[in-house]
C-alpha atoms as a PDB file:
ATOM      1  CA  MET A   1     -19.021 -14.982  16.058  1.00  0.00           C
ATOM      2  CA  ASN A   2     -16.449 -15.496  13.334  1.00  0.00           C
ATOM      3  CA  LEU A   3     -12.991 -15.279  13.339  1.00  0.00           C
ATOM      4  CA  LEU A   4     -10.692 -13.633  11.268  1.00  0.00           C
ATOM      5  CA  PRO A   5      -7.236 -14.582  10.058  1.00  0.00           C
ATOM      6  CA  LYS A   6      -4.533 -13.695  12.144  1.00  0.00           C
ATOM      7  CA  GLY A   7      -2.777 -10.173  10.800  1.00  0.00           C
ATOM      8  CA  SER A   8      -6.561  -8.971   9.291  1.00  0.00           C
ATOM      9  CA  ALA A   9      -6.347  -5.329   9.505  1.00  0.00           C
ATOM     10  CA  ILE A  10      -8.235  -3.650  12.672  1.00  0.00           C
ATOM     11  CA  ASN A  11     -11.205  -1.631  11.243  1.00  0.00           C
ATOM     12  CA  ASN A  12     -15.122  -1.888  11.472  1.00  0.00           C
ATOM     13  CA  ASP A  13     -15.879  -4.406   9.114  1.00  0.00           C
ATOM     14  CA  THR A  14     -13.380  -6.503  10.571  1.00  0.00           C
ATOM     15  CA  VAL A  15     -15.036  -5.921  14.260  1.00  0.00           C
ATOM     16  CA  ALA A  16     -18.550  -6.855  12.789  1.00  0.00           C
ATOM     17  CA  LEU A  17     -17.829  -9.396  10.707  1.00  0.00           C
ATOM     18  CA  GLU A  18     -15.756 -10.322  14.275  1.00  0.00           C
ATOM     19  CA  ALA A  19     -18.839  -9.537  15.705  1.00  0.00           C
ATOM     20  CA  GLY A  20     -21.356 -12.020  13.841  1.00  0.00           C
ATOM     21  CA  ARG A  21     -22.283  -8.801  11.944  1.00  0.00           C
ATOM     22  CA  LYS A  22     -22.499  -7.475   8.816  1.00  0.00           C
ATOM     23  CA  ARG A  23     -19.684  -5.482   6.971  1.00  0.00           C
ATOM     24  CA  GLY A  24     -20.958  -1.741   7.303  1.00  0.00           C
ATOM     25  CA  SER A  25     -23.033  -2.559  10.361  1.00  0.00           C
ATOM     26  CA  ILE A  26     -21.200  -0.055  12.357  1.00  0.00           C
ATOM     27  CA  LYS A  27     -22.333   3.261  12.044  1.00  0.00           C
ATOM     28  CA  LYS A  28     -20.574   6.366  13.011  1.00  0.00           C
ATOM     29  CA  SER A  29     -24.452   7.167  14.147  1.00  0.00           C
ATOM     30  CA  ARG A  30     -24.906   4.332  16.503  1.00  0.00           C
ATOM     31  CA  HIS A  31     -21.651   3.432  17.504  1.00  0.00           C
ATOM     32  CA  ALA A  32     -19.306   6.453  17.867  1.00  0.00           C
ATOM     33  CA  ALA A  33     -17.201   5.127  20.827  1.00  0.00           C
ATOM     34  CA  LEU A  34     -16.750   1.893  19.359  1.00  0.00           C
ATOM     35  CA  ILE A  35     -15.151   3.871  16.112  1.00  0.00           C
ATOM     36  CA  GLU A  36     -12.948   5.676  18.201  1.00  0.00           C
ATOM     37  CA  ALA A  37     -11.821   2.700  20.191  1.00  0.00           C
ATOM     38  CA  ILE A  38     -11.120   0.563  16.847  1.00  0.00           C
ATOM     39  CA  GLU A  39      -9.025   3.585  15.635  1.00  0.00           C
ATOM     40  CA  GLN A  40      -7.570   3.542  18.472  1.00  0.00           C
ATOM     41  CA  ALA A  41      -6.752  -0.152  18.351  1.00  0.00           C
ATOM     42  CA  ALA A  42      -5.638   0.243  14.972  1.00  0.00           C
ATOM     43  CA  GLN A  43      -3.309   2.637  15.877  1.00  0.00           C
ATOM     44  CA  ALA A  44      -1.982   1.364  18.301  1.00  0.00           C
ATOM     45  CA  VAL A  45      -0.643  -1.446  16.346  1.00  0.00           C
ATOM     46  CA  GLY A  46       0.697   0.270  13.874  1.00  0.00           C
ATOM     47  CA  GLN A  47      -2.230   0.169  11.196  1.00  0.00           C
ATOM     48  CA  ASN A  48      -2.796   3.636   9.408  1.00  0.00           C
ATOM     49  CA  VAL A  49      -6.450   4.712   9.604  1.00  0.00           C
ATOM     50  CA  LEU A  50      -7.122   7.059   6.986  1.00  0.00           C
ATOM     51  CA  SER A  51      -9.686   9.691   6.628  1.00  0.00           C
ATOM     52  CA  PRO A  52     -11.974   9.420   3.354  1.00  0.00           C
ATOM     53  CA  THR A  53      -9.371  12.554   2.133  1.00  0.00           C
ATOM     54  CA  GLN A  54      -6.359  10.855   2.725  1.00  0.00           C
ATOM     55  CA  ARG A  55      -7.914   7.754   0.761  1.00  0.00           C
ATOM     56  CA  VAL A  56      -8.764   9.201  -1.847  1.00  0.00           C
ATOM     57  CA  GLU A  57      -5.113  11.243  -2.366  1.00  0.00           C
ATOM     58  CA  LYS A  58      -3.976   8.064  -1.556  1.00  0.00           C
ATOM     59  CA  ALA A  59      -5.589   6.151  -4.194  1.00  0.00           C
ATOM     60  CA  LYS A  60      -4.780   9.803  -6.631  1.00  0.00           C
ATOM     61  CA  SER A  61      -0.932   9.109  -5.853  1.00  0.00           C
ATOM     62  CA  LYS A  62      -1.139   4.962  -6.799  1.00  0.00           C
ATOM     63  CA  THR A  63      -3.611   5.941 -10.012  1.00  0.00           C
ATOM     64  CA  LYS A  64      -0.505   8.525 -10.810  1.00  0.00           C
ATOM     65  CA  ALA A  65       2.522   5.791 -10.198  1.00  0.00           C
ATOM     66  CA  VAL A  66       0.450   2.706 -12.194  1.00  0.00           C
ATOM     67  CA  LYS A  67       0.234   5.335 -15.171  1.00  0.00           C
ATOM     68  CA  SER A  68       3.532   6.478 -15.098  1.00  0.00           C
ATOM     69  CA  ASP A  69       4.753   2.736 -14.735  1.00  0.00           C
ATOM     70  CA  TYR A  70       2.422   2.076 -17.763  1.00  0.00           C
ATOM     71  CA  GLU A  71       3.426   4.751 -19.706  1.00  0.00           C
ATOM     72  CA  GLN A  72       7.246   3.346 -19.449  1.00  0.00           C
ATOM     73  CA  LEU A  73       6.594   0.038 -20.606  1.00  0.00           C
ATOM     74  CA  LYS A  74       4.623   1.413 -23.420  1.00  0.00           C
ATOM     75  CA  GLU A  75       8.163   3.281 -24.362  1.00  0.00           C
ATOM     76  CA  ASP A  76       9.922   0.403 -23.839  1.00  0.00           C
ATOM     77  CA  TYR A  77       7.618  -1.706 -25.777  1.00  0.00           C
ATOM     78  CA  GLU A  78       8.019   0.604 -28.795  1.00  0.00           C
ATOM     79  CA  ILE A  79      11.576   0.508 -28.700  1.00  0.00           C
ATOM     80  CA  LEU A  80      11.952  -3.422 -28.665  1.00  0.00           C
ATOM     81  CA  LEU A  81       9.091  -3.580 -31.466  1.00  0.00           C
ATOM     82  CA  GLU A  82      11.188  -1.238 -33.507  1.00  0.00           C
ATOM     83  CA  LYS A  83      14.514  -3.269 -32.475  1.00  0.00           C
ATOM     84  CA  CYS A  84      12.252  -6.628 -33.591  1.00  0.00           C
ATOM     85  CA  ASN A  85      11.168  -4.969 -36.557  1.00  0.00           C
ATOM     86  CA  SER A  86      14.620  -4.244 -37.389  1.00  0.00           C
ATOM     87  CA  LEU A  87      16.233  -7.540 -37.176  1.00  0.00           C
ATOM     88  CA  LEU A  88      13.581  -8.953 -39.361  1.00  0.00           C
ATOM     89  CA  LEU A  89      13.452  -6.961 -42.161  1.00  0.00           C
ATOM     90  CA  GLU A  90      17.874  -7.335 -41.773  1.00  0.00           C
ATOM     91  CA  ASN A  91      16.932 -11.510 -41.627  1.00  0.00           C
ATOM     92  CA  PHE A  92      14.951 -11.125 -44.850  1.00  0.00           C
ATOM     93  CA  GLU A  93      17.570  -9.185 -46.915  1.00  0.00           C
ATOM     94  CA  LEU A  94      20.097 -11.326 -45.847  1.00  0.00           C
ATOM     95  CA  LYS A  95      18.088 -14.652 -47.140  1.00  0.00           C
ATOM     96  CA  GLN A  96      17.737 -12.625 -49.971  1.00  0.00           C
ATOM     97  CA  LYS A  97      20.882 -12.012 -50.448  1.00  0.00           C
ATOM     98  CA  THR A  98      21.996 -16.228 -49.612  1.00  0.00           C
ATOM     99  CA  HIS A  99      19.162 -17.460 -51.599  1.00  0.00           C
ATOM    100  CA  LEU A 100      20.602 -15.261 -54.446  1.00  0.00           C
ATOM    101  CA  ILE A 101      24.538 -16.198 -54.204  1.00  0.00           C
ATOM    102  CA  GLN A 102      23.282 -19.579 -53.998  1.00  0.00           C
ATOM    103  CA  MET A 103      21.017 -19.421 -57.429  1.00  0.00           C
ATOM    104  CA  ARG A 104      24.893 -18.167 -58.693  1.00  0.00           C
ATOM    105  CA  PHE A 105      26.275 -21.423 -57.990  1.00  0.00           C
END
């Protein structure tokens, strides 16, 4: 028997680990009643037990959100890079002017 930290997700793998088995050892073909009980327990404590299709859709949604965030960060980066380059050019030009003024005196 292996106790997992309090608050661990209630799912087939954590139940198997706590029973001293390996992850994935609880199979629907052999333990249908146990899997149903695990799903009911997870729902009872408010954990969402998602179907594989729901998991894929959730992952796609997260991926889309991350890509959107990435694109926004990329745009912001390009804008900041342009500003930085503009300031560098302006700084260079001002140094050139002050250097010319110093040479005259």
